[in-house]
Structure formats: structure tokens, C-alpha cells
């Protein structure tokens, strides 16, 4: 076969060489295209793993943020409770100092209202007079 090809003119040999090269490239390209789905599946799997790790990290960060917020809120509630307990104790002390007469009770109520207003300017406390 090669001997008969060597006897052919140059343009015919070039044509045959081009056709052989084209066939080899076509076979290699076909094999490459057949392996693409596997490569894409591997890439997709890797992307899913990365997404899962990223989601887990985001969930952990969200949980940590929620725990920090809960701790801050818990501390705020505890400190607010302490402040209002202290305020309640002060109000009881002031309430125990009132006398039996009606005029002094009204004056004591006014003093108590003023004391509450100066103690806690940022919150409103409603005080009802006891009979």
C-alpha cells in the first residue's frame, strides 16, 4: 500500500495525508466528546460539594449570630429586670413614708411621681394611688 502511494504524484500523496490526518483528528475529537458528560458530572459534583460546605458554614454563622443576639437580649432583659426591681424597692420605700392625712398623701404622691420621673426619664411608669 505504501509502495503504491509512493509512486503517485505529490498532490495525490498530500491529499491522502490530509485525509488520514483528518480521520485521526475526528477520532480523537469523538473520543473527547464522549468523555465530556463524565467530566461535567465531576464538575457538577464538585460544585455541589462546595455549595454544601458553603451552606453549612453559612448555617453555622447564622446560628452563632442568633446565639449572640439571644445572649445580648438575655443580658438586656436581666439588667432591665434588676433596674425595675430596684425602682420598685425605691417606690415601696417612698410609699411607706406617707402619713394618714389626705393632704400629705397627695403631696407624697406628687413627690413620688417626681422621683419616678427623675429616676427613669426614658420610661413611663403609671402609679395608681391606693385608697
N, C-alpha and C. Protein backbone atom coordinates (compact mmCIF):
# COMPACT_ATOMS: atom_id res chain seq x y z
N UNK A 1 0.81 -1.17 0.00
CA UNK A 1 0.00 0.00 0.00
C UNK A 1 0.87 1.26 0.00
N UNK A 2 1.89 1.30 0.91
CA UNK A 2 2.77 2.47 0.95
C UNK A 2 3.59 2.60 -0.34
N UNK A 3 3.99 1.45 -0.92
CA UNK A 3 4.79 1.48 -2.15
C UNK A 3 3.98 2.07 -3.30
N UNK A 4 2.70 1.68 -3.38
CA UNK A 4 1.86 2.22 -4.45
C UNK A 4 1.60 3.72 -4.23
N UNK A 5 1.53 4.12 -2.95
CA UNK A 5 1.31 5.53 -2.63
C UNK A 5 2.55 6.37 -2.96
N UNK A 6 3.73 5.78 -2.77
CA UNK A 6 4.97 6.49 -3.08
C UNK A 6 5.09 6.77 -4.59
N UNK A 7 4.47 5.95 -5.40
CA UNK A 7 4.55 6.10 -6.85
C UNK A 7 3.57 7.16 -7.37
N UNK A 8 2.62 7.56 -6.59
CA UNK A 8 1.61 8.53 -7.00
C UNK A 8 2.24 9.93 -7.05
N UNK A 9 1.61 10.86 -7.75
CA UNK A 9 2.13 12.22 -7.80
C UNK A 9 2.02 12.92 -6.43
N UNK A 10 2.74 14.00 -6.27
CA UNK A 10 2.85 14.72 -5.00
C UNK A 10 1.49 15.23 -4.52
N UNK A 11 0.68 15.82 -5.39
CA UNK A 11 -0.61 16.36 -4.96
C UNK A 11 -1.55 15.25 -4.48
N UNK A 12 -1.45 14.03 -5.03
CA UNK A 12 -2.27 12.91 -4.58
C UNK A 12 -1.81 12.45 -3.21
N UNK A 13 -0.49 12.36 -3.01
CA UNK A 13 0.04 11.96 -1.69
C UNK A 13 -0.35 12.98 -0.61
N UNK A 14 -0.31 14.26 -0.95
CA UNK A 14 -0.70 15.30 0.00
C UNK A 14 -2.19 15.17 0.35
N UNK A 15 -3.00 14.86 -0.67
CA UNK A 15 -4.43 14.68 -0.44
C UNK A 15 -4.69 13.50 0.50
N UNK A 16 -4.00 12.39 0.29
CA UNK A 16 -4.16 11.21 1.16
C UNK A 16 -3.67 11.53 2.57
N UNK A 17 -2.55 12.23 2.70
CA UNK A 17 -2.02 12.58 4.03
C UNK A 17 -3.02 13.48 4.77
N UNK A 18 -3.62 14.43 4.05
CA UNK A 18 -4.61 15.30 4.66
C UNK A 18 -5.82 14.50 5.14
N UNK A 19 -6.30 13.56 4.35
CA UNK A 19 -7.45 12.74 4.72
C UNK A 19 -7.14 11.87 5.94
N UNK A 20 -5.93 11.30 6.01
CA UNK A 20 -5.55 10.48 7.17
C UNK A 20 -5.50 11.35 8.42
N UNK A 21 -4.91 12.53 8.31
CA UNK A 21 -4.84 13.44 9.46
C UNK A 21 -6.24 13.86 9.91
N UNK A 22 -7.11 14.13 8.94
CA UNK A 22 -8.49 14.50 9.26
C UNK A 22 -9.20 13.36 10.00
N UNK A 23 -9.01 12.12 9.58
CA UNK A 23 -9.63 10.97 10.25
C UNK A 23 -9.10 10.81 11.68
N UNK A 24 -7.80 10.97 11.85
CA UNK A 24 -7.21 10.83 13.19
C UNK A 24 -7.77 11.91 14.11
N UNK A 25 -7.82 13.16 13.63
CA UNK A 25 -8.35 14.26 14.45
C UNK A 25 -9.82 14.02 14.76
N UNK A 26 -10.59 13.52 13.80
CA UNK A 26 -12.01 13.24 14.02
C UNK A 26 -12.20 12.17 15.07
N UNK A 27 -11.39 11.11 15.04
CA UNK A 27 -11.50 10.04 16.05
C UNK A 27 -11.14 10.58 17.43
N UNK A 28 -10.08 11.38 17.54
CA UNK A 28 -9.67 11.95 18.84
C UNK A 28 -10.76 12.88 19.36
N UNK A 29 -11.32 13.71 18.48
CA UNK A 29 -12.39 14.63 18.89
C UNK A 29 -13.62 13.86 19.34
N UNK A 30 -13.96 12.78 18.66
CA UNK A 30 -15.12 11.97 19.04
C UNK A 30 -14.91 11.35 20.42
N UNK A 31 -13.71 10.84 20.68
CA UNK A 31 -13.42 10.27 22.00
C UNK A 31 -13.50 11.35 23.08
N UNK A 32 -13.00 12.53 22.78
CA UNK A 32 -13.03 13.63 23.73
C UNK A 32 -14.48 14.03 24.04
N UNK A 33 -15.31 14.12 23.02
CA UNK A 33 -16.71 14.50 23.21
C UNK A 33 -17.44 13.44 24.02
N UNK A 34 -17.09 12.17 23.84
CA UNK A 34 -17.74 11.10 24.60
C UNK A 34 -17.38 11.17 26.08
N UNK A 35 -16.24 11.72 26.43
CA UNK A 35 -15.85 11.82 27.85
C UNK A 35 -16.37 13.09 28.51
N UNK A 36 -16.93 14.03 27.75
CA UNK A 36 -17.42 15.29 28.33
C UNK A 36 -18.51 15.10 29.39
N UNK A 37 -19.51 14.26 29.19
CA UNK A 37 -20.54 14.11 30.24
C UNK A 37 -19.94 13.69 31.57
N UNK A 38 -18.96 12.81 31.55
CA UNK A 38 -18.32 12.38 32.79
C UNK A 38 -17.59 13.55 33.45
N UNK A 39 -16.89 14.34 32.64
CA UNK A 39 -16.18 15.49 33.19
C UNK A 39 -17.16 16.51 33.75
N UNK A 40 -18.26 16.75 33.03
CA UNK A 40 -19.26 17.69 33.52
C UNK A 40 -19.91 17.17 34.80
N UNK A 41 -20.13 15.86 34.88
CA UNK A 41 -20.70 15.29 36.10
C UNK A 41 -19.75 15.48 37.28
N UNK A 42 -18.44 15.30 37.04
CA UNK A 42 -17.46 15.52 38.10
C UNK A 42 -17.44 16.98 38.54
N UNK A 43 -17.53 17.87 37.57
CA UNK A 43 -17.55 19.30 37.91
C UNK A 43 -18.81 19.64 38.69
N UNK A 44 -19.95 19.10 38.26
CA UNK A 44 -21.21 19.36 38.96
C UNK A 44 -21.14 18.81 40.39
N UNK A 45 -20.57 17.61 40.55
CA UNK A 45 -20.45 17.02 41.88
C UNK A 45 -19.55 17.88 42.77
N UNK A 46 -18.44 18.35 42.21
CA UNK A 46 -17.54 19.20 42.98
C UNK A 46 -18.24 20.51 43.37
N UNK A 47 -19.01 21.08 42.43
CA UNK A 47 -19.75 22.31 42.74
C UNK A 47 -20.78 22.08 43.83
N UNK A 48 -21.45 20.92 43.81
CA UNK A 48 -22.43 20.60 44.84
C UNK A 48 -21.76 20.44 46.21
N UNK A 49 -20.58 19.83 46.23
CA UNK A 49 -19.86 19.69 47.48
C UNK A 49 -19.44 21.05 48.03
N UNK A 50 -18.96 21.91 47.14
CA UNK A 50 -18.57 23.26 47.56
C UNK A 50 -19.79 24.01 48.09
N UNK A 51 -20.92 23.89 47.40
CA UNK A 51 -22.15 24.55 47.84
C UNK A 51 -22.60 24.02 49.19
N UNK A 52 -22.48 22.71 49.40
CA UNK A 52 -22.87 22.12 50.68
C UNK A 52 -21.99 22.64 51.81
N UNK A 53 -20.70 22.72 51.56
CA UNK A 53 -19.78 23.25 52.58
C UNK A 53 -20.09 24.72 52.86
N UNK A 54 -20.34 25.49 51.79
CA UNK A 54 -20.66 26.91 51.95
C UNK A 54 -21.97 27.07 52.74
N UNK A 55 -22.98 26.26 52.42
CA UNK A 55 -24.25 26.33 53.14
C UNK A 55 -24.09 25.96 54.60
N UNK A 56 -23.28 24.94 54.87
CA UNK A 56 -23.03 24.53 56.26
C UNK A 56 -22.33 25.65 57.02
N UNK A 57 -21.38 26.30 56.38
CA UNK A 57 -20.67 27.40 57.03
C UNK A 57 -21.63 28.57 57.28
N UNK A 58 -22.50 28.85 56.32
CA UNK A 58 -23.46 29.93 56.49
C UNK A 58 -24.45 29.61 57.60
N UNK A 59 -24.89 28.34 57.67
CA UNK A 59 -25.81 27.94 58.74
C UNK A 59 -25.14 28.08 60.10
N UNK A 60 -23.87 27.68 60.19
CA UNK A 60 -23.14 27.81 61.45
C UNK A 60 -23.00 29.29 61.83
N UNK A 61 -22.71 30.13 60.86
CA UNK A 61 -22.60 31.56 61.13
C UNK A 61 -23.93 32.15 61.58
N UNK A 62 -25.03 31.73 60.92
CA UNK A 62 -26.35 32.20 61.32
C UNK A 62 -26.69 31.76 62.74
N UNK A 63 -26.36 30.52 63.07
CA UNK A 63 -26.64 30.00 64.41
C UNK A 63 -25.83 30.76 65.46
N UNK A 64 -24.56 31.04 65.13
CA UNK A 64 -23.71 31.79 66.06
C UNK A 64 -24.26 33.20 66.26
N UNK A 65 -24.72 33.82 65.19
CA UNK A 65 -25.28 35.16 65.27
C UNK A 65 -26.55 35.16 66.12
N UNK A 66 -27.39 34.13 65.92
CA UNK A 66 -28.61 34.02 66.71
C UNK A 66 -28.29 33.82 68.19
N UNK A 67 -27.27 33.02 68.48
CA UNK A 67 -26.88 32.80 69.88
C UNK A 67 -26.35 34.08 70.50
N UNK A 68 -25.56 34.85 69.73
CA UNK A 68 -25.05 36.12 70.25
C UNK A 68 -26.20 37.08 70.51
N UNK A 69 -27.15 37.14 69.58
CA UNK A 69 -28.30 38.03 69.76
C UNK A 69 -29.12 37.61 70.98
N UNK A 70 -29.30 36.31 71.16
CA UNK A 70 -30.05 35.81 72.31
C UNK A 70 -29.32 36.16 73.61
N UNK A 71 -28.00 36.05 73.61
CA UNK A 71 -27.22 36.38 74.81
C UNK A 71 -27.33 37.87 75.11
N UNK A 72 -27.26 38.71 74.09
CA UNK A 72 -27.38 40.15 74.29
C UNK A 72 -28.76 40.49 74.82
N UNK A 73 -29.79 39.89 74.21
CA UNK A 73 -31.16 40.14 74.65
C UNK A 73 -31.37 39.65 76.07
N UNK A 74 -30.83 38.50 76.40
CA UNK A 74 -30.95 37.96 77.74
C UNK A 74 -30.29 38.89 78.76
N UNK A 75 -29.11 39.39 78.42
CA UNK A 75 -28.43 40.34 79.32
C UNK A 75 -29.22 41.62 79.48
N UNK A 76 -29.81 42.10 78.40
CA UNK A 76 -30.62 43.32 78.47
C UNK A 76 -31.84 43.11 79.36
N UNK A 77 -32.52 41.96 79.17
CA UNK A 77 -33.70 41.67 79.98
C UNK A 77 -33.31 41.54 81.45
N UNK A 78 -32.20 40.88 81.73
CA UNK A 78 -31.76 40.72 83.11
C UNK A 78 -31.44 42.07 83.74
N UNK A 79 -30.72 42.92 83.01
CA UNK A 79 -30.37 44.23 83.57
C UNK A 79 -31.61 45.10 83.74
N UNK A 80 -32.56 45.02 82.78
CA UNK A 80 -33.80 45.79 82.89
C UNK A 80 -34.61 45.31 84.09
N UNK A 81 -34.65 44.02 84.29
CA UNK A 81 -35.38 43.46 85.43
C UNK A 81 -34.78 43.96 86.74
N UNK A 82 -33.47 43.98 86.82
CA UNK A 82 -32.79 44.47 88.03
C UNK A 82 -33.13 45.94 88.28
N UNK A 83 -33.11 46.74 87.21
CA UNK A 83 -33.40 48.17 87.35
C UNK A 83 -34.82 48.37 87.86
N UNK A 84 -35.78 47.64 87.29
CA UNK A 84 -37.16 47.82 87.71
C UNK A 84 -37.41 47.25 89.10
N UNK A 85 -36.68 46.22 89.51
CA UNK A 85 -36.79 45.74 90.89
C UNK A 85 -36.28 46.79 91.86
N UNK A 86 -35.14 47.41 91.50
CA UNK A 86 -34.60 48.47 92.35
C UNK A 86 -35.57 49.65 92.41
N UNK A 87 -36.16 49.98 91.27
CA UNK A 87 -37.13 51.07 91.23
C UNK A 87 -38.35 50.72 92.07
N UNK A 88 -38.79 49.48 92.01
CA UNK A 88 -39.92 49.04 92.82
C UNK A 88 -39.60 49.14 94.30
N UNK A 89 -38.38 48.79 94.68
CA UNK A 89 -37.98 48.89 96.09
C UNK A 89 -37.96 50.35 96.52
N UNK A 90 -37.48 51.23 95.64
CA UNK A 90 -37.47 52.66 95.97
C UNK A 90 -38.89 53.19 96.11
N UNK A 91 -39.77 52.75 95.23
CA UNK A 91 -41.16 53.19 95.32
C UNK A 91 -41.82 52.69 96.60
N UNK A 92 -41.52 51.47 96.99
CA UNK A 92 -42.08 50.95 98.24
C UNK A 92 -41.56 51.74 99.43
N UNK A 93 -40.28 52.11 99.40
CA UNK A 93 -39.72 52.92 100.48
C UNK A 93 -40.41 54.28 100.54
N UNK A 94 -40.62 54.89 99.39
CA UNK A 94 -41.29 56.18 99.36
C UNK A 94 -42.76 56.05 99.75
N UNK A 95 -43.39 54.97 99.38
CA UNK A 95 -44.80 54.74 99.72
C UNK A 95 -44.99 54.51 101.20
N UNK A 96 -44.02 53.96 101.89
CA UNK A 96 -44.11 53.70 103.33
C UNK A 96 -43.97 54.96 104.15
N UNK A 97 -43.49 56.05 103.60
CA UNK A 97 -43.26 57.29 104.34
C UNK A 97 -44.49 58.19 104.37
N UNK A 98 -45.57 57.84 103.70
CA UNK A 98 -46.76 58.70 103.66
C UNK A 98 -47.50 58.64 104.98
N UNK A 99 -48.18 59.74 105.28
CA UNK A 99 -48.93 59.80 106.54
C UNK A 99 -50.42 59.55 106.28
N UNK A 100 -51.22 59.66 107.32
CA UNK A 100 -52.63 59.32 107.27
C UNK A 100 -53.48 60.42 106.65
N UNK A 101 -53.05 61.67 106.68
CA UNK A 101 -53.91 62.76 106.21
C UNK A 101 -53.96 62.80 104.70
N UNK A 102 -55.08 63.32 104.17
CA UNK A 102 -55.29 63.35 102.74
C UNK A 102 -54.36 64.32 102.04
N UNK A 103 -54.07 65.48 102.66
CA UNK A 103 -53.21 66.48 102.02
C UNK A 103 -51.80 65.97 101.90
N UNK A 104 -51.33 65.35 102.94
CA UNK A 104 -49.96 64.84 102.92
C UNK A 104 -49.84 63.68 101.93
N UNK A 105 -50.89 62.89 101.78
CA UNK A 105 -50.87 61.79 100.83
C UNK A 105 -50.77 62.33 99.41
N UNK A 106 -51.51 63.38 99.11
CA UNK A 106 -51.44 63.97 97.78
C UNK A 106 -50.05 64.53 97.54
N UNK A 107 -49.49 65.18 98.55
CA UNK A 107 -48.14 65.73 98.42
C UNK A 107 -47.13 64.61 98.25
N UNK A 108 -47.30 63.54 98.99
CA UNK A 108 -46.40 62.40 98.87
C UNK A 108 -46.53 61.76 97.49
N UNK A 109 -47.73 61.70 96.95
CA UNK A 109 -47.94 61.14 95.61
C UNK A 109 -47.24 61.99 94.57
N UNK A 110 -47.33 63.31 94.75
CA UNK A 110 -46.65 64.20 93.82
C UNK A 110 -45.14 64.01 93.92
N UNK A 111 -44.62 63.91 95.12
CA UNK A 111 -43.19 63.71 95.31
C UNK A 111 -42.75 62.38 94.71
N UNK A 112 -43.60 61.39 94.90
CA UNK A 112 -43.30 60.07 94.34
C UNK A 112 -43.27 60.12 92.82
N UNK A 113 -44.22 60.83 92.20
CA UNK A 113 -44.24 60.96 90.75
C UNK A 113 -43.00 61.69 90.25
N UNK A 114 -42.59 62.72 90.97
CA UNK A 114 -41.39 63.46 90.59
C UNK A 114 -40.14 62.59 90.73
N UNK A 115 -40.10 61.80 91.76
CA UNK A 115 -38.95 60.89 91.98
C UNK A 115 -38.86 59.88 90.86
N UNK A 116 -40.00 59.31 90.46
CA UNK A 116 -40.02 58.34 89.37
C UNK A 116 -39.60 59.00 88.08
N UNK A 117 -40.06 60.22 87.84
CA UNK A 117 -39.72 60.92 86.61
C UNK A 117 -38.22 61.19 86.54
N UNK A 118 -37.60 61.55 87.66
CA UNK A 118 -36.16 61.82 87.63
C UNK A 118 -35.35 60.54 87.62
N UNK A 119 -35.86 59.45 88.18
CA UNK A 119 -35.12 58.19 88.21
C UNK A 119 -35.06 57.54 86.84
N UNK A 120 -36.15 57.55 86.11
CA UNK A 120 -36.20 56.87 84.82
C UNK A 120 -36.83 57.79 83.80
N UNK A 121 -36.01 58.60 83.16
CA UNK A 121 -36.51 59.57 82.19
C UNK A 121 -36.91 58.90 80.88
N UNK A 122 -36.34 57.74 80.57
CA UNK A 122 -36.61 57.10 79.29
C UNK A 122 -37.81 56.17 79.30
N UNK A 123 -38.39 55.90 80.46
CA UNK A 123 -39.55 55.02 80.50
C UNK A 123 -40.68 55.70 81.26
N UNK A 124 -41.88 55.30 80.95
CA UNK A 124 -43.06 55.87 81.59
C UNK A 124 -43.61 54.87 82.58
N UNK A 125 -43.83 55.34 83.80
CA UNK A 125 -44.38 54.47 84.84
C UNK A 125 -45.67 55.12 85.33
N UNK A 126 -46.73 54.36 85.35
CA UNK A 126 -48.01 54.86 85.82
C UNK A 126 -48.19 54.36 87.25
N UNK A 127 -48.43 55.30 88.15
CA UNK A 127 -48.60 54.96 89.56
C UNK A 127 -50.03 55.27 89.96
N UNK A 128 -50.70 54.28 90.49
CA UNK A 128 -52.06 54.47 90.95
C UNK A 128 -52.04 54.67 92.47
N UNK A 129 -52.85 55.59 92.89
CA UNK A 129 -52.93 55.82 94.34
C UNK A 129 -53.78 54.73 94.97
N UNK A 130 -53.34 54.29 96.11
CA UNK A 130 -54.09 53.28 96.84
C UNK A 130 -55.04 53.99 97.81
N UNK A 131 -56.24 53.46 98.02
CA UNK A 131 -57.19 54.14 98.92
C UNK A 131 -56.75 54.06 100.37
